[in-house]
Amino acid sequence: QGKLTPGANLNFVQGATGIQIAPEFPFTEKRSLGPW
């Protein structure tokens, strides 16, 4: 699981801006909005 072949090209998929995003202290809450 840790061995790589020297000379091999690794192609990584990147996003539109080139960042990966992770949540900090993720949680959920119940929400709803008024009509307007």
Full PDB file with SEQRES, HELIX, SHEET, SSBOND, CRYST1, ORIGX, SCALE, CONECT and MASTER records, all heavy atoms in Angstrom:
SEQRES   1 A   36  GLN GLY LYS LEU THR PRO GLY ALA ASN LEU ASN PHE VAL          
SEQRES   2 A   36  GLN GLY ALA THR GLY ILE GLN ILE ALA PRO GLU PHE PRO          
SEQRES   3 A   36  PHE THR GLU LYS ARG SER LEU GLY PRO TRP                      
CRYST1    1.000    1.000    1.000  90.00  90.00  90.00 P 1           1          
ORIGX1      1.000000  0.000000  0.000000        0.00000                         
ORIGX2      0.000000  1.000000  0.000000        0.00000                         
ORIGX3      0.000000  0.000000  1.000000        0.00000                         
SCALE1      1.000000  0.000000  0.000000        0.00000                         
SCALE2      0.000000  1.000000  0.000000        0.00000                         
SCALE3      0.000000  0.000000  1.000000        0.00000                         
ATOM      1  N   GLN A   1       0.796  -1.219   0.000  1.00  0.00           N  
ATOM      2  CA  GLN A   1       0.000   0.000   0.000  1.00  0.00           C  
ATOM      3  C   GLN A   1       0.832   1.275   0.000  1.00  0.00           C  
ATOM      4  O   GLN A   1       0.282   2.372  -0.161  1.00  0.00           O  
ATOM      5  CB  GLN A   1      -0.930   0.010   1.219  1.00  0.00           C  
ATOM      6  CG  GLN A   1      -1.904  -1.140   1.266  1.00  0.00           C  
ATOM      7  CD  GLN A   1      -2.961  -1.050   0.180  1.00  0.00           C  
ATOM      8  OE1 GLN A   1      -3.826  -0.179   0.218  1.00  0.00           O  
ATOM      9  NE2 GLN A   1      -2.900  -1.936  -0.808  1.00  0.00           N  
ATOM     10  N   GLY A   2       2.131   1.162   0.180  1.00  0.00           N  
ATOM     11  CA  GLY A   2       2.960   2.357   0.228  1.00  0.00           C  
ATOM     12  C   GLY A   2       3.982   2.462  -0.878  1.00  0.00           C  
ATOM     13  O   GLY A   2       4.645   3.491  -1.030  1.00  0.00           O  
ATOM     14  N   LYS A   3       4.133   1.414  -1.702  1.00  0.00           N  
ATOM     15  CA  LYS A   3       5.195   1.365  -2.696  1.00  0.00           C  
ATOM     16  C   LYS A   3       4.768   2.016  -4.004  1.00  0.00           C  
ATOM     17  O   LYS A   3       3.664   1.792  -4.501  1.00  0.00           O  
ATOM     18  CB  LYS A   3       5.599  -0.085  -2.942  1.00  0.00           C  
ATOM     19  CG  LYS A   3       6.803  -0.241  -3.865  1.00  0.00           C  
ATOM     20  CD  LYS A   3       7.162  -1.713  -4.014  1.00  0.00           C  
ATOM     21  CE  LYS A   3       8.369  -1.896  -4.939  1.00  0.00           C  
ATOM     22  NZ  LYS A   3       8.718  -3.322  -5.107  1.00  0.00           N  
ATOM     23  N   LEU A   4       5.650   2.841  -4.570  1.00  0.00           N  
ATOM     24  CA  LEU A   4       5.417   3.481  -5.862  1.00  0.00           C  
ATOM     25  C   LEU A   4       6.568   3.137  -6.808  1.00  0.00           C  
ATOM     26  O   LEU A   4       7.687   2.871  -6.373  1.00  0.00           O  
ATOM     27  CB  LEU A   4       5.317   5.007  -5.703  1.00  0.00           C  
ATOM     28  CG  LEU A   4       4.166   5.530  -4.839  1.00  0.00           C  
ATOM     29  CD1 LEU A   4       4.284   7.034  -4.669  1.00  0.00           C  
ATOM     30  CD2 LEU A   4       2.820   5.163  -5.467  1.00  0.00           C  
ATOM     31  N   THR A   5       6.290   3.185  -8.098  1.00  0.00           N  
ATOM     32  CA  THR A   5       7.290   2.850  -9.113  1.00  0.00           C  
ATOM     33  C   THR A   5       7.981   4.121  -9.597  1.00  0.00           C  
ATOM     34  O   THR A   5       7.310   5.018 -10.141  1.00  0.00           O  
ATOM     35  CB  THR A   5       6.633   2.141 -10.314  1.00  0.00           C  
ATOM     36  OG1 THR A   5       5.945   0.981  -9.859  1.00  0.00           O  
ATOM     37  CG2 THR A   5       7.682   1.749 -11.346  1.00  0.00           C  
ATOM     38  N   PRO A   6       9.284   4.242  -9.413  1.00  0.00           N  
ATOM     39  CA  PRO A   6      10.002   5.435  -9.883  1.00  0.00           C  
ATOM     40  C   PRO A   6       9.807   5.642 -11.386  1.00  0.00           C  
ATOM     41  O   PRO A   6       9.836   4.689 -12.166  1.00  0.00           O  
ATOM     42  CB  PRO A   6      11.469   5.127  -9.553  1.00  0.00           C  
ATOM     43  CG  PRO A   6      11.398   4.143  -8.424  1.00  0.00           C  
ATOM     44  CD  PRO A   6      10.187   3.308  -8.692  1.00  0.00           C  
ATOM     45  N   GLY A   7       9.584   6.922 -11.764  1.00  0.00           N  
ATOM     46  CA  GLY A   7       9.380   7.250 -13.168  1.00  0.00           C  
ATOM     47  C   GLY A   7       7.933   7.247 -13.597  1.00  0.00           C  
ATOM     48  O   GLY A   7       7.594   7.765 -14.673  1.00  0.00           O  
ATOM     49  N   ALA A   8       7.060   6.658 -12.781  1.00  0.00           N  
ATOM     50  CA  ALA A   8       5.640   6.628 -13.130  1.00  0.00           C  
ATOM     51  C   ALA A   8       5.022   8.015 -12.950  1.00  0.00           C  
ATOM     52  O   ALA A   8       5.405   8.767 -12.056  1.00  0.00           O  
ATOM     53  CB  ALA A   8       4.907   5.609 -12.259  1.00  0.00           C  
ATOM     54  N   ASN A   9       4.081   8.346 -13.823  1.00  0.00           N  
ATOM     55  CA  ASN A   9       3.355   9.612 -13.706  1.00  0.00           C  
ATOM     56  C   ASN A   9       2.032   9.377 -12.990  1.00  0.00           C  
ATOM     57  O   ASN A   9       1.234   8.526 -13.409  1.00  0.00           O  
ATOM     58  CB  ASN A   9       3.089  10.217 -15.086  1.00  0.00           C  
ATOM     59  CG  ASN A   9       4.326  10.821 -15.702  1.00  0.00           C  
ATOM     60  OD1 ASN A   9       5.210  11.306 -14.989  1.00  0.00           O  
ATOM     61  ND2 ASN A   9       4.410  10.792 -17.023  1.00  0.00           N  
ATOM     62  N   LEU A  10       1.800  10.132 -11.929  1.00  0.00           N  
ATOM     63  CA  LEU A  10       0.548  10.050 -11.182  1.00  0.00           C  
ATOM     64  C   LEU A  10      -0.340  11.218 -11.599  1.00  0.00           C  
ATOM     65  O   LEU A  10       0.049  12.380 -11.494  1.00  0.00           O  
ATOM     66  CB  LEU A  10       0.817  10.107  -9.675  1.00  0.00           C  
ATOM     67  CG  LEU A  10       1.830   9.103  -9.121  1.00  0.00           C  
ATOM     68  CD1 LEU A  10       1.921   9.238  -7.605  1.00  0.00           C  
ATOM     69  CD2 LEU A  10       1.458   7.681  -9.518  1.00  0.00           C  
ATOM     70  N   ASN A  11      -1.522  10.919 -12.102  1.00  0.00           N  
ATOM     71  CA  ASN A  11      -2.466  11.948 -12.539  1.00  0.00           C  
ATOM     72  C   ASN A  11      -3.543  12.140 -11.481  1.00  0.00           C  
ATOM     73  O   ASN A  11      -4.335  11.233 -11.216  1.00  0.00           O  
ATOM     74  CB  ASN A  11      -3.107  11.550 -13.866  1.00  0.00           C  
ATOM     75  CG  ASN A  11      -2.098  11.493 -15.001  1.00  0.00           C  
ATOM     76  OD1 ASN A  11      -1.421  12.474 -15.278  1.00  0.00           O  
ATOM     77  ND2 ASN A  11      -1.982  10.338 -15.636  1.00  0.00           N  
ATOM     78  N   PHE A  12      -3.566  13.323 -10.891  1.00  0.00           N  
ATOM     79  CA  PHE A  12      -4.541  13.640  -9.848  1.00  0.00           C  
ATOM     80  C   PHE A  12      -5.644  14.531 -10.423  1.00  0.00           C  
ATOM     81  O   PHE A  12      -5.358  15.518 -11.104  1.00  0.00           O  
ATOM     82  CB  PHE A  12      -3.874  14.375  -8.680  1.00  0.00           C  
ATOM     83  CG  PHE A  12      -2.850  13.556  -7.945  1.00  0.00           C  
ATOM     84  CD1 PHE A  12      -1.509  13.613  -8.288  1.00  0.00           C  
ATOM     85  CD2 PHE A  12      -3.232  12.724  -6.907  1.00  0.00           C  
ATOM     86  CE1 PHE A  12      -0.563  12.869  -7.614  1.00  0.00           C  
ATOM     87  CE2 PHE A  12      -2.295  11.967  -6.219  1.00  0.00           C  
ATOM     88  CZ  PHE A  12      -0.958  12.039  -6.572  1.00  0.00           C  
ATOM     89  N   VAL A  13      -6.882  14.166 -10.117  1.00  0.00           N  
ATOM     90  CA  VAL A  13      -8.010  15.008 -10.513  1.00  0.00           C  
ATOM     91  C   VAL A  13      -8.074  16.200  -9.567  1.00  0.00           C  
ATOM     92  O   VAL A  13      -8.009  16.041  -8.351  1.00  0.00           O  
ATOM     93  CB  VAL A  13      -9.335  14.217 -10.453  1.00  0.00           C  
ATOM     94  CG1 VAL A  13     -10.508  15.119 -10.788  1.00  0.00           C  
ATOM     95  CG2 VAL A  13      -9.288  13.030 -11.401  1.00  0.00           C  
ATOM     96  N   GLN A  14      -8.174  17.397 -10.130  1.00  0.00           N  
ATOM     97  CA  GLN A  14      -8.298  18.576  -9.290  1.00  0.00           C  
ATOM     98  C   GLN A  14      -9.553  19.355  -9.655  1.00  0.00           C  
ATOM     99  O   GLN A  14     -10.058  19.266 -10.770  1.00  0.00           O  
ATOM    100  CB  GLN A  14      -7.067  19.474  -9.412  1.00  0.00           C  
ATOM    101  CG  GLN A  14      -6.750  19.942 -10.818  1.00  0.00           C  
ATOM    102  CD  GLN A  14      -5.617  20.951 -10.829  1.00  0.00           C  
ATOM    103  OE1 GLN A  14      -5.587  21.869 -10.027  1.00  0.00           O  
ATOM    104  NE2 GLN A  14      -4.668  20.774 -11.742  1.00  0.00           N  
ATOM    105  N   GLY A  15     -10.053  20.110  -8.707  1.00  0.00           N  
ATOM    106  CA  GLY A  15     -11.267  20.870  -8.905  1.00  0.00           C  
ATOM    107  C   GLY A  15     -11.049  22.131  -9.718  1.00  0.00           C  
ATOM    108  O   GLY A  15      -9.938  22.426 -10.164  1.00  0.00           O  
ATOM    109  N   ALA A  16     -12.122  22.894  -9.881  1.00  0.00           N  
ATOM    110  CA  ALA A  16     -12.093  24.080 -10.733  1.00  0.00           C  
ATOM    111  C   ALA A  16     -11.092  25.118 -10.247  1.00  0.00           C  
ATOM    112  O   ALA A  16     -10.467  25.814 -11.046  1.00  0.00           O  
ATOM    113  CB  ALA A  16     -13.489  24.691 -10.813  1.00  0.00           C  
ATOM    114  N   THR A  17     -10.911  25.229  -8.934  1.00  0.00           N  
ATOM    115  CA  THR A  17      -9.967  26.214  -8.393  1.00  0.00           C  
ATOM    116  C   THR A  17      -8.675  25.571  -7.916  1.00  0.00           C  
ATOM    117  O   THR A  17      -7.692  26.265  -7.669  1.00  0.00           O  
ATOM    118  CB  THR A  17     -10.586  26.983  -7.212  1.00  0.00           C  
ATOM    119  OG1 THR A  17     -10.966  26.048  -6.196  1.00  0.00           O  
ATOM    120  CG2 THR A  17     -11.802  27.776  -7.653  1.00  0.00           C  
ATOM    121  N   GLY A  18      -8.669  24.243  -7.773  1.00  0.00           N  
ATOM    122  CA  GLY A  18      -7.468  23.561  -7.297  1.00  0.00           C  
ATOM    123  C   GLY A  18      -7.401  23.426  -5.794  1.00  0.00           C  
ATOM    124  O   GLY A  18      -6.318  23.406  -5.223  1.00  0.00           O  
ATOM    125  N   ILE A  19      -8.564  23.335  -5.148  1.00  0.00           N  
ATOM    126  CA  ILE A  19      -8.580  23.138  -3.702  1.00  0.00           C  
ATOM    127  C   ILE A  19      -9.455  21.938  -3.368  1.00  0.00           C  
ATOM    128  O   ILE A  19     -10.354  21.573  -4.130  1.00  0.00           O  
ATOM    129  CB  ILE A  19      -9.104  24.372  -2.926  1.00  0.00           C  
ATOM    130  CG1 ILE A  19     -10.548  24.710  -3.354  1.00  0.00           C  
ATOM    131  CG2 ILE A  19      -8.182  25.558  -3.105  1.00  0.00           C  
ATOM    132  CD1 ILE A  19     -11.174  25.836  -2.548  1.00  0.00           C  
ATOM    133  N   GLN A  20      -9.157  21.324  -2.239  1.00  0.00           N  
ATOM    134  CA  GLN A  20     -10.053  20.337  -1.648  1.00  0.00           C  
ATOM    135  C   GLN A  20     -10.598  20.946  -0.364  1.00  0.00           C  
ATOM    136  O   GLN A  20      -9.857  21.590   0.387  1.00  0.00           O  
ATOM    137  CB  GLN A  20      -9.324  19.028  -1.355  1.00  0.00           C  
ATOM    138  CG  GLN A  20      -8.987  18.229  -2.603  1.00  0.00           C  
ATOM    139  CD  GLN A  20      -8.415  16.859  -2.280  1.00  0.00           C  
ATOM    140  OE1 GLN A  20      -8.226  16.503  -1.117  1.00  0.00           O  
ATOM    141  NE2 GLN A  20      -8.124  16.081  -3.309  1.00  0.00           N  
ATOM    142  N   ILE A  21     -11.895  20.746  -0.141  1.00  0.00           N  
ATOM    143  CA  ILE A  21     -12.560  21.380   0.993  1.00  0.00           C  
ATOM    144  C   ILE A  21     -13.064  20.314   1.942  1.00  0.00           C  
ATOM    145  O   ILE A  21     -13.602  19.287   1.522  1.00  0.00           O  
ATOM    146  CB  ILE A  21     -13.747  22.249   0.522  1.00  0.00           C  
ATOM    147  CG1 ILE A  21     -13.335  23.120  -0.668  1.00  0.00           C  
ATOM    148  CG2 ILE A  21     -14.261  23.137   1.652  1.00  0.00           C  
ATOM    149  CD1 ILE A  21     -14.486  23.798  -1.357  1.00  0.00           C  
ATOM    150  N   ALA A  22     -12.886  20.549   3.234  1.00  0.00           N  
ATOM    151  CA  ALA A  22     -13.358  19.623   4.266  1.00  0.00           C  
ATOM    152  C   ALA A  22     -14.155  20.405   5.307  1.00  0.00           C  
ATOM    153  O   ALA A  22     -13.893  21.590   5.535  1.00  0.00           O  
ATOM    154  CB  ALA A  22     -12.185  18.909   4.930  1.00  0.00           C  
ATOM    155  N   PRO A  23     -15.137  19.755   5.943  1.00  0.00           N  
ATOM    156  CA  PRO A  23     -15.910  20.463   6.972  1.00  0.00           C  
ATOM    157  C   PRO A  23     -15.159  20.537   8.294  1.00  0.00           C  
ATOM    158  O   PRO A  23     -14.457  19.595   8.675  1.00  0.00           O  
ATOM    159  CB  PRO A  23     -17.171  19.603   7.105  1.00  0.00           C  
ATOM    160  CG  PRO A  23     -16.718  18.221   6.732  1.00  0.00           C  
ATOM    161  CD  PRO A  23     -15.649  18.399   5.688  1.00  0.00           C  
ATOM    162  N   GLU A  24     -15.287  21.648   8.998  1.00  0.00           N  
ATOM    163  CA  GLU A  24     -14.729  21.789  10.337  1.00  0.00           C  
ATOM    164  C   GLU A  24     -15.871  21.666  11.341  1.00  0.00           C  
ATOM    165  O   GLU A  24     -16.817  22.441  11.306  1.00  0.00           O  
ATOM    166  CB  GLU A  24     -14.039  23.144  10.496  1.00  0.00           C  
ATOM    167  CG  GLU A  24     -13.375  23.313  11.872  1.00  0.00           C  
ATOM    168  CD  GLU A  24     -12.744  24.690  12.034  1.00  0.00           C  
ATOM    169  OE1 GLU A  24     -13.456  25.678  11.788  1.00  0.00           O  
ATOM    170  OE2 GLU A  24     -11.575  24.767  12.409  1.00  0.00           O  
ATOM    171  N   PHE A  25     -15.799  20.667  12.210  1.00  0.00           N  
ATOM    172  CA  PHE A  25     -16.845  20.417  13.207  1.00  0.00           C  
ATOM    173  C   PHE A  25     -18.223  20.316  12.545  1.00  0.00           C  
ATOM    174  O   PHE A  25     -19.127  21.113  12.821  1.00  0.00           O  
ATOM    175  CB  PHE A  25     -16.857  21.523  14.279  1.00  0.00           C  
ATOM    176  CG  PHE A  25     -15.506  21.841  14.844  1.00  0.00           C  
ATOM    177  CD1 PHE A  25     -14.995  23.121  14.769  1.00  0.00           C  
ATOM    178  CD2 PHE A  25     -14.731  20.857  15.429  1.00  0.00           C  
ATOM    179  CE1 PHE A  25     -13.748  23.429  15.281  1.00  0.00           C  
ATOM    180  CE2 PHE A  25     -13.482  21.148  15.945  1.00  0.00           C  
ATOM    181  CZ  PHE A  25     -12.985  22.438  15.870  1.00  0.00           C  
ATOM    182  N   PRO A  26     -18.409  19.361  11.630  1.00  0.00           N  
ATOM    183  CA  PRO A  26     -19.688  19.265  10.919  1.00  0.00           C  
ATOM    184  C   PRO A  26     -20.829  18.840  11.838  1.00  0.00           C  
ATOM    185  O   PRO A  26     -20.653  18.033  12.747  1.00  0.00           O  
ATOM    186  CB  PRO A  26     -19.415  18.196   9.855  1.00  0.00           C  
ATOM    187  CG  PRO A  26     -18.320  17.357  10.437  1.00  0.00           C  
ATOM    188  CD  PRO A  26     -17.465  18.302  11.242  1.00  0.00           C  
ATOM    189  N   PHE A  27     -22.010  19.403  11.574  1.00  0.00           N  
ATOM    190  CA  PHE A  27     -23.223  19.001  12.277  1.00  0.00           C  
ATOM    191  C   PHE A  27     -24.409  19.388  11.410  1.00  0.00           C  
ATOM    192  O   PHE A  27     -24.244  19.982  10.337  1.00  0.00           O  
ATOM    193  CB  PHE A  27     -23.312  19.673  13.655  1.00  0.00           C  
ATOM    194  CG  PHE A  27     -23.424  21.183  13.605  1.00  0.00           C  
ATOM    195  CD1 PHE A  27     -24.657  21.804  13.679  1.00  0.00           C  
ATOM    196  CD2 PHE A  27     -22.279  21.969  13.497  1.00  0.00           C  
ATOM    197  CE1 PHE A  27     -24.756  23.190  13.641  1.00  0.00           C  
ATOM    198  CE2 PHE A  27     -22.372  23.351  13.456  1.00  0.00           C  
ATOM    199  CZ  PHE A  27     -23.607  23.969  13.526  1.00  0.00           C  
ATOM    200  N   THR A  28     -25.590  19.005  11.821  1.00  0.00           N  
ATOM    201  CA  THR A  28     -26.797  19.379  11.086  1.00  0.00           C  
ATOM    202  C   THR A  28     -27.746  20.106  12.021  1.00  0.00           C  
ATOM    203  O   THR A  28     -27.701  19.912  13.238  1.00  0.00           O  
ATOM    204  CB  THR A  28     -27.518  18.148  10.502  1.00  0.00           C  
ATOM    205  OG1 THR A  28     -27.949  17.302  11.583  1.00  0.00           O  
ATOM    206  CG2 THR A  28     -26.609  17.362   9.576  1.00  0.00           C  
ATOM    207  N   GLU A  29     -28.593  20.938  11.437  1.00  0.00           N  
ATOM    208  CA  GLU A  29     -29.641  21.590  12.211  1.00  0.00           C  
ATOM    209  C   GLU A  29     -30.898  21.690  11.357  1.00  0.00           C  
ATOM    210  O   GLU A  29     -30.822  21.764  10.124  1.00  0.00           O  
ATOM    211  CB  GLU A  29     -29.203  22.960  12.709  1.00  0.00           C  
ATOM    212  CG  GLU A  29     -29.031  24.012  11.649  1.00  0.00           C  
ATOM    213  CD  GLU A  29     -28.674  25.377  12.249  1.00  0.00           C  
ATOM    214  OE1 GLU A  29     -28.049  25.416  13.314  1.00  0.00           O  
ATOM    215  OE2 GLU A  29     -29.027  26.392  11.616  1.00  0.00           O  
ATOM    216  N   LYS A  30     -32.039  21.687  12.012  1.00  0.00           N  
ATOM    217  CA  LYS A  30     -33.303  21.761  11.288  1.00  0.00           C  
ATOM    218  C   LYS A  30     -33.597  23.218  10.955  1.00  0.00           C  
ATOM    219  O   LYS A  30     -33.560  24.081  11.823  1.00  0.00           O  
ATOM    220  CB  LYS A  30     -34.430  21.159  12.126  1.00  0.00           C  
ATOM    221  CG  LYS A  30     -35.770  21.089  11.394  1.00  0.00           C  
ATOM    222  CD  LYS A  30     -36.743  20.160  12.098  1.00  0.00           C  
ATOM    223  CE  LYS A  30     -36.350  18.699  11.873  1.00  0.00           C  
ATOM    224  NZ  LYS A  30     -37.391  17.769  12.373  1.00  0.00           N  
ATOM    225  N   ARG A  31     -33.899  23.478   9.682  1.00  0.00           N  
ATOM    226  CA  ARG A  31     -34.139  24.842   9.236  1.00  0.00           C  
ATOM    227  C   ARG A  31     -35.366  24.910   8.334  1.00  0.00           C  
ATOM    228  O   ARG A  31     -35.701  23.962   7.636  1.00  0.00           O  
ATOM    229  CB  ARG A  31     -32.942  25.397   8.456  1.00  0.00           C  
ATOM    230  CG  ARG A  31     -31.756  25.803   9.302  1.00  0.00           C  
ATOM    231  CD  ARG A  31     -30.727  26.490   8.432  1.00  0.00           C  
ATOM    232  NE  ARG A  31     -29.576  26.927   9.197  1.00  0.00           N  
ATOM    233  CZ  ARG A  31     -28.530  27.548   8.669  1.00  0.00           C  
ATOM    234  NH1 ARG A  31     -28.508  27.789   7.374  1.00  0.00           N  
ATOM    235  NH2 ARG A  31     -27.525  27.917   9.429  1.00  0.00           N  
ATOM    236  N   SER A  32     -35.988  26.082   8.337  1.00  0.00           N  
ATOM    237  CA  SER A  32     -37.034  26.408   7.372  1.00  0.00           C  
ATOM    238  C   SER A  32     -37.121  27.924   7.289  1.00  0.00           C  
ATOM    239  O   SER A  32     -36.711  28.633   8.216  1.00  0.00           O  
ATOM    240  CB  SER A  32     -38.384  25.815   7.792  1.00  0.00           C  
ATOM    241  OG  SER A  32     -38.810  26.379   9.021  1.00  0.00           O  
ATOM    242  N   LEU A  33     -37.628  28.428   6.180  1.00  0.00           N  
ATOM    243  CA  LEU A  33     -37.746  29.865   5.978  1.00  0.00           C  
ATOM    244  C   LEU A  33     -39.207  30.285   5.962  1.00  0.00           C  
ATOM    245  O   LEU A  33     -40.103  29.495   5.648  1.00  0.00           O  
ATOM    246  CB  LEU A  33     -37.088  30.272   4.657  1.00  0.00           C  
ATOM    247  CG  LEU A  33     -35.582  30.029   4.517  1.00  0.00           C  
ATOM    248  CD1 LEU A  33     -35.113  30.455   3.130  1.00  0.00           C  
ATOM    249  CD2 LEU A  33     -34.801  30.777   5.590  1.00  0.00           C  
ATOM    250  N   GLY A  34     -39.451  31.545   6.282  1.00  0.00           N  
ATOM    251  CA  GLY A  34     -40.785  32.109   6.158  1.00  0.00           C  
ATOM    252  C   GLY A  34     -41.138  32.297   4.694  1.00  0.00           C  
ATOM    253  O   GLY A  34     -40.269  32.253   3.818  1.00  0.00           O  
ATOM    254  N   PRO A  35     -42.419  32.541   4.384  1.00  0.00           N  
ATOM    255  CA  PRO A  35     -42.870  32.617   2.986  1.00  0.00           C  
ATOM    256  C   PRO A  35     -42.113  33.626   2.133  1.00  0.00           C  
ATOM    257  O   PRO A  35     -41.695  33.304   1.016  1.00  0.00           O  
ATOM    258  CB  PRO A  35     -44.352  33.001   3.119  1.00  0.00           C  
ATOM    259  CG  PRO A  35     -44.751  32.484   4.466  1.00  0.00           C  
ATOM    260  CD  PRO A  35     -43.539  32.641   5.330  1.00  0.00           C  
ATOM    261  N   TRP A  36     -41.914  34.852   2.639  1.00  0.00           N  
ATOM    262  CA  TRP A  36     -41.270  35.883   1.828  1.00  0.00           C  
ATOM    263  C   TRP A  36     -39.794  35.559   1.591  1.00  0.00           C  
ATOM    264  O   TRP A  36     -39.297  35.650   0.461  1.00  0.00           O  
ATOM    265  CB  TRP A  36     -41.425  37.255   2.478  1.00  0.00           C  
ATOM    266  CG  TRP A  36     -40.723  38.356   1.725  1.00  0.00           C  
ATOM    267  CD1 TRP A  36     -39.690  39.128   2.143  1.00  0.00           C  
ATOM    268  CD2 TRP A  36     -41.024  38.789   0.386  1.00  0.00           C  
ATOM    269  NE1 TRP A  36     -39.312  40.016   1.162  1.00  0.00           N  
ATOM    270  CE2 TRP A  36     -40.111  39.832   0.067  1.00  0.00           C  
ATOM    271  CE3 TRP A  36     -41.955  38.385  -0.574  1.00  0.00           C  
ATOM    272  CZ2 TRP A  36     -40.122  40.479  -1.161  1.00  0.00           C  
ATOM    273  CZ3 TRP A  36     -41.955  39.037  -1.810  1.00  0.00           C  
ATOM    274  CH2 TRP A  36     -41.049  40.061  -2.088  1.00  0.00           C  
TER     275      TRP A  36                                                      
MASTER        0    0    0    0    0    0    0    6  274    1    0    3          
END                                                                             
